[in-house]
């Protein structure tokens, strides 16, 4: 395993580590075992839903056994690589772009276009929810969209006479400055400054939204551009109003900073609100009821206030199923994916195990009022318009798949996910923000790393 791949092992996320969960059925020797590696390790309701669904499938499909392992998303790529080297890789993976982007760049995945057509999603799926490479094939059957936005404390803003939603990054920076009152234990915004993926994720979300890229369409590095420099400066200014202990914050730390009442703003998917809701409103745990009615959420802005809200771009990340190219069980793996997703009610019930966070990839579901007729959305109805708008953003011609560089022709650059997963983008941002290295030095170093990720 190269040093780039080994660095994936150093990444930490907000998900709890879960033990492998084998699903067993018949013990006959002629049973084909399909190994599923699933990265939804940190959501007990989602994990239980999958275990139940797999048991149902195994009971009704004799001769095939789906064997599931639930792991943290940060472990997916290293575990697949280790499996390939040992001769026992998984057949089927459900993961995020850090995993499937790296596998795409190594040409290890099977095309999934036929599965998408078999279940009829090619006619209903948001166009930008398709992950298509230069050969014109889909390499992912997406299951949901996770959209990045900005949480804000409405009560704190009201104290300062500030109104939301924010229409530009200048507005957000000004609000973060106004909310920063160290004498009261208050800080403006939570920026995850630990070398663990979050700061790179936020950086590219802003960069892509402003029209920048990590790679040009010909896969050459694209860091030495005015918009890249502009984005570095935006992130630097935001970090001025983050608390000192943010240097130890990664994904979970950022959410905790907000839920604990330490910061007034933070950039995150609606997972934070799922955790605030808690039971019995569709989340899990006791929740944070004191924050329920004082928290707002919006899509991230574009370049200027004049572009809001028409040009607000949904920064979404797609998760879904991929099949390893050399799997001996490709046919059986594809059949399971089709069975799991083609039933509309089953698909909806899966998404609603993590309400607000996991949004549909199908336009018909987003437009279906019955989908939103759920206890969590009823408790925070003010979020529904923004969530609908976020999902529908994947039907527009301009979209940001925040963990994969996507150009105007819709073709993705999978090496961009490798750059994020290897923490090369984190290193660049932290070198500029914390180490105060000259911007030209930061950009040159990153461009050299980006070039190394591209395979000839």
Foldseek 3Di string as FASTA:
>chain_A
DDLLLVLLVVFDADADFDFFDFQDDDPDPQAAEAEEEEQNRRQVLLVVLVNVLQNVVPVVDPSYHYTYTYGHQSCQQVQQVVCVVVVHHGFKYWHWLLRVLLCVLVVFFDFCQVLCVVLPVVVFFQQLLFAAAPVGTGQFDFQFKFWKWKKFFQVLCVVVVHDDDDAALVSLLVQQVVQQDVVVLAFAEQQQLALRQRNLLVLLLQLVLQPHFQADPVLAGGCPDPSNVVSLVSSLSNVVRHDPCSNNGDHNNRLCCVLVPNYGMYMGTCLSVLQQVDPPQQHHDPHRVVRLVRMDIAQHHHHDSVCPPVSRATQIITIGMIGTPPDPCNVVVSVSRSVQPSDPVSSLVSQSNRPRRTHGSGPVLLVDVVSCVGSNCVSVVVCSVRSSVNNCSSNDQRHHNSLWTADSVSHTNSLSSSCSSSSLSSVLSCCCNPVVDDNVVSSVVSSVVSVVSRDD
